[in-house]
């Protein structure tokens, strides 16, 4: 079992930046595929970015490609999401998640953080 805690959310104007962090404990962090997901009111939870165990492969949702960057530090047991050029449509609760098997569908992510709110004003 692994526990995940997000931090770094907050308020930002459109065009600004935020950096989200995820701290893992209670498990072997390096054995998990990691991902960031978000959920806006009235919408399904969606994948924002995912990263492989050794950081070799990274994937991004089309909506954030070129603006967001996912990274991880296995030695520290942390994962980050650098968000630049934020838009109002990026406003959502952002979740850190871990998959013990493979990446892709949300069904593979068994462990979730509590979420952190990102608010973007025009």
Protein backbone atom coordinates (compact mmCIF):
# COMPACT_ATOMS: atom_id res chain seq x y z
CA UNK A 1 0.00 0.00 0.00
CA UNK A 2 1.14 3.50 -0.80
CA UNK A 3 -0.19 6.79 0.55
CA UNK A 4 -0.19 9.89 -1.63
CA UNK A 5 -0.46 13.54 -0.62
CA UNK A 6 -0.73 16.45 -3.07
CA UNK A 7 0.26 20.04 -2.46
CA UNK A 8 0.86 23.22 -4.42
CA UNK A 9 -2.61 24.08 -5.62
CA UNK A 10 -3.97 27.58 -5.29
CA UNK A 11 -5.16 30.67 -7.11
CA UNK A 12 -3.51 32.01 -10.23
CA UNK A 13 -4.37 34.37 -13.06
CA UNK A 14 -4.67 33.11 -16.61
CA UNK A 15 -1.23 32.86 -18.12
CA UNK A 16 0.40 32.17 -14.78
CA UNK A 17 2.12 29.08 -13.43
CA UNK A 18 1.80 26.60 -10.60
CA UNK A 19 3.83 23.59 -9.52
CA UNK A 20 2.02 20.67 -7.95
CA UNK A 21 3.82 18.12 -5.81
CA UNK A 22 2.92 14.60 -4.73
CA UNK A 23 4.64 12.89 -1.81
CA UNK A 24 4.45 9.11 -1.49
CA UNK A 25 4.92 7.00 1.61
CA UNK A 26 4.29 3.44 2.76
CA UNK A 27 5.23 1.74 -0.49
CA UNK A 28 7.94 1.19 -3.05
CA UNK A 29 7.49 4.33 -5.10
CA UNK A 30 9.69 3.18 -7.96
CA UNK A 31 7.41 0.21 -8.69
CA UNK A 32 4.46 2.41 -9.67
CA UNK A 33 3.46 4.13 -12.85
CA UNK A 34 2.40 7.59 -11.70
CA UNK A 35 -0.10 10.04 -13.04
CA UNK A 36 -1.86 13.33 -12.54
CA UNK A 37 -5.62 13.50 -13.03
CA UNK A 38 -8.11 16.31 -12.72
CA UNK A 39 -11.82 16.68 -12.26
CA UNK A 40 -13.88 19.79 -12.90
CA UNK A 41 -17.45 20.22 -11.62
CA UNK A 42 -19.90 18.16 -13.65
CA UNK A 43 -17.18 16.37 -15.59
CA UNK A 44 -15.53 12.98 -15.44
CA UNK A 45 -12.09 12.60 -13.98
CA UNK A 46 -9.53 12.74 -16.75
CA UNK A 47 -5.87 11.98 -17.14
CA UNK A 48 -3.61 15.01 -17.40
CA UNK A 49 -0.20 13.37 -17.56
CA UNK A 50 1.44 10.03 -16.80
CA UNK A 51 5.04 8.98 -16.28
CA UNK A 52 6.73 5.59 -16.37
CA UNK A 53 8.68 4.08 -13.49
CA UNK A 54 12.04 5.26 -14.78
CA UNK A 55 10.75 8.53 -16.31
CA UNK A 56 11.63 7.33 -19.80
CA UNK A 57 8.08 7.66 -21.11
CA UNK A 58 5.69 10.52 -20.49
CA UNK A 59 2.26 11.18 -21.91
CA UNK A 60 0.03 14.24 -21.83
CA UNK A 61 -3.55 15.06 -22.58
CA UNK A 62 -3.89 17.10 -25.77
CA UNK A 63 -5.35 19.98 -23.79
CA UNK A 64 -2.16 20.44 -21.74
CA UNK A 65 0.53 19.33 -24.17
CA UNK A 66 3.27 21.92 -24.43
CA UNK A 67 2.16 23.70 -21.26
CA UNK A 68 2.50 21.08 -18.52
CA UNK A 69 5.49 18.92 -17.59
CA UNK A 70 5.43 15.83 -15.39
CA UNK A 71 8.48 14.58 -13.51
CA UNK A 72 9.39 12.24 -10.66
CA UNK A 73 12.23 11.69 -8.22
CA UNK A 74 12.33 8.05 -7.15
CA UNK A 75 15.01 8.70 -4.53
CA UNK A 76 12.74 11.20 -2.78
CA UNK A 77 9.48 9.43 -3.53
CA UNK A 78 7.96 12.52 -5.12
CA UNK A 79 6.24 13.52 -8.33
CA UNK A 80 5.63 16.99 -9.72
CA UNK A 81 3.49 18.70 -12.32
CA UNK A 82 4.76 22.01 -13.62
CA UNK A 83 1.85 23.95 -15.09
CA UNK A 84 2.55 26.96 -17.28
CA UNK A 85 0.33 29.27 -19.32
CA UNK A 86 -2.67 28.28 -17.26
CA UNK A 87 -6.13 28.75 -18.73
CA UNK A 88 -9.53 29.05 -17.04
CA UNK A 89 -10.42 25.61 -18.41
CA UNK A 90 -7.57 24.15 -16.36
CA UNK A 91 -9.49 24.93 -13.20
CA UNK A 92 -10.19 21.64 -11.39
CA UNK A 93 -9.22 19.47 -8.47
CA UNK A 94 -5.96 17.76 -9.33
CA UNK A 95 -5.16 14.28 -8.07
CA UNK A 96 -1.97 12.30 -7.76
CA UNK A 97 -2.41 8.60 -8.55
CA UNK A 98 -0.36 5.40 -8.66
CA UNK A 99 -0.74 2.29 -10.80
CA UNK A 100 0.89 -0.97 -9.66
CA UNK A 101 0.47 -2.56 -13.08
CA UNK A 102 0.42 -0.39 -16.19
CA UNK A 103 -0.40 3.08 -17.44
CA UNK A 104 -3.30 4.30 -19.51
CA UNK A 105 -6.87 3.94 -18.31
CA UNK A 106 -7.94 5.25 -14.92
CA UNK A 107 -8.94 1.68 -14.06
CA UNK A 108 -5.27 0.82 -13.58
CA UNK A 109 -4.70 3.47 -10.93
CA UNK A 110 -5.49 1.95 -7.55
CA UNK A 111 -4.10 4.61 -5.22
CA UNK A 112 -5.13 8.24 -5.05
CA UNK A 113 -4.29 11.36 -3.13
CA UNK A 114 -6.86 13.66 -1.56
CA UNK A 115 -6.68 16.23 -4.34
CA UNK A 116 -5.60 19.85 -4.50
CA UNK A 117 -7.66 22.70 -5.93
CA UNK A 118 -6.37 24.76 -8.83
CA UNK A 119 -8.30 27.95 -9.55
CA UNK A 120 -7.54 30.06 -12.63
CA UNK A 121 -9.06 33.52 -13.02
CA UNK A 122 -9.41 35.50 -16.23
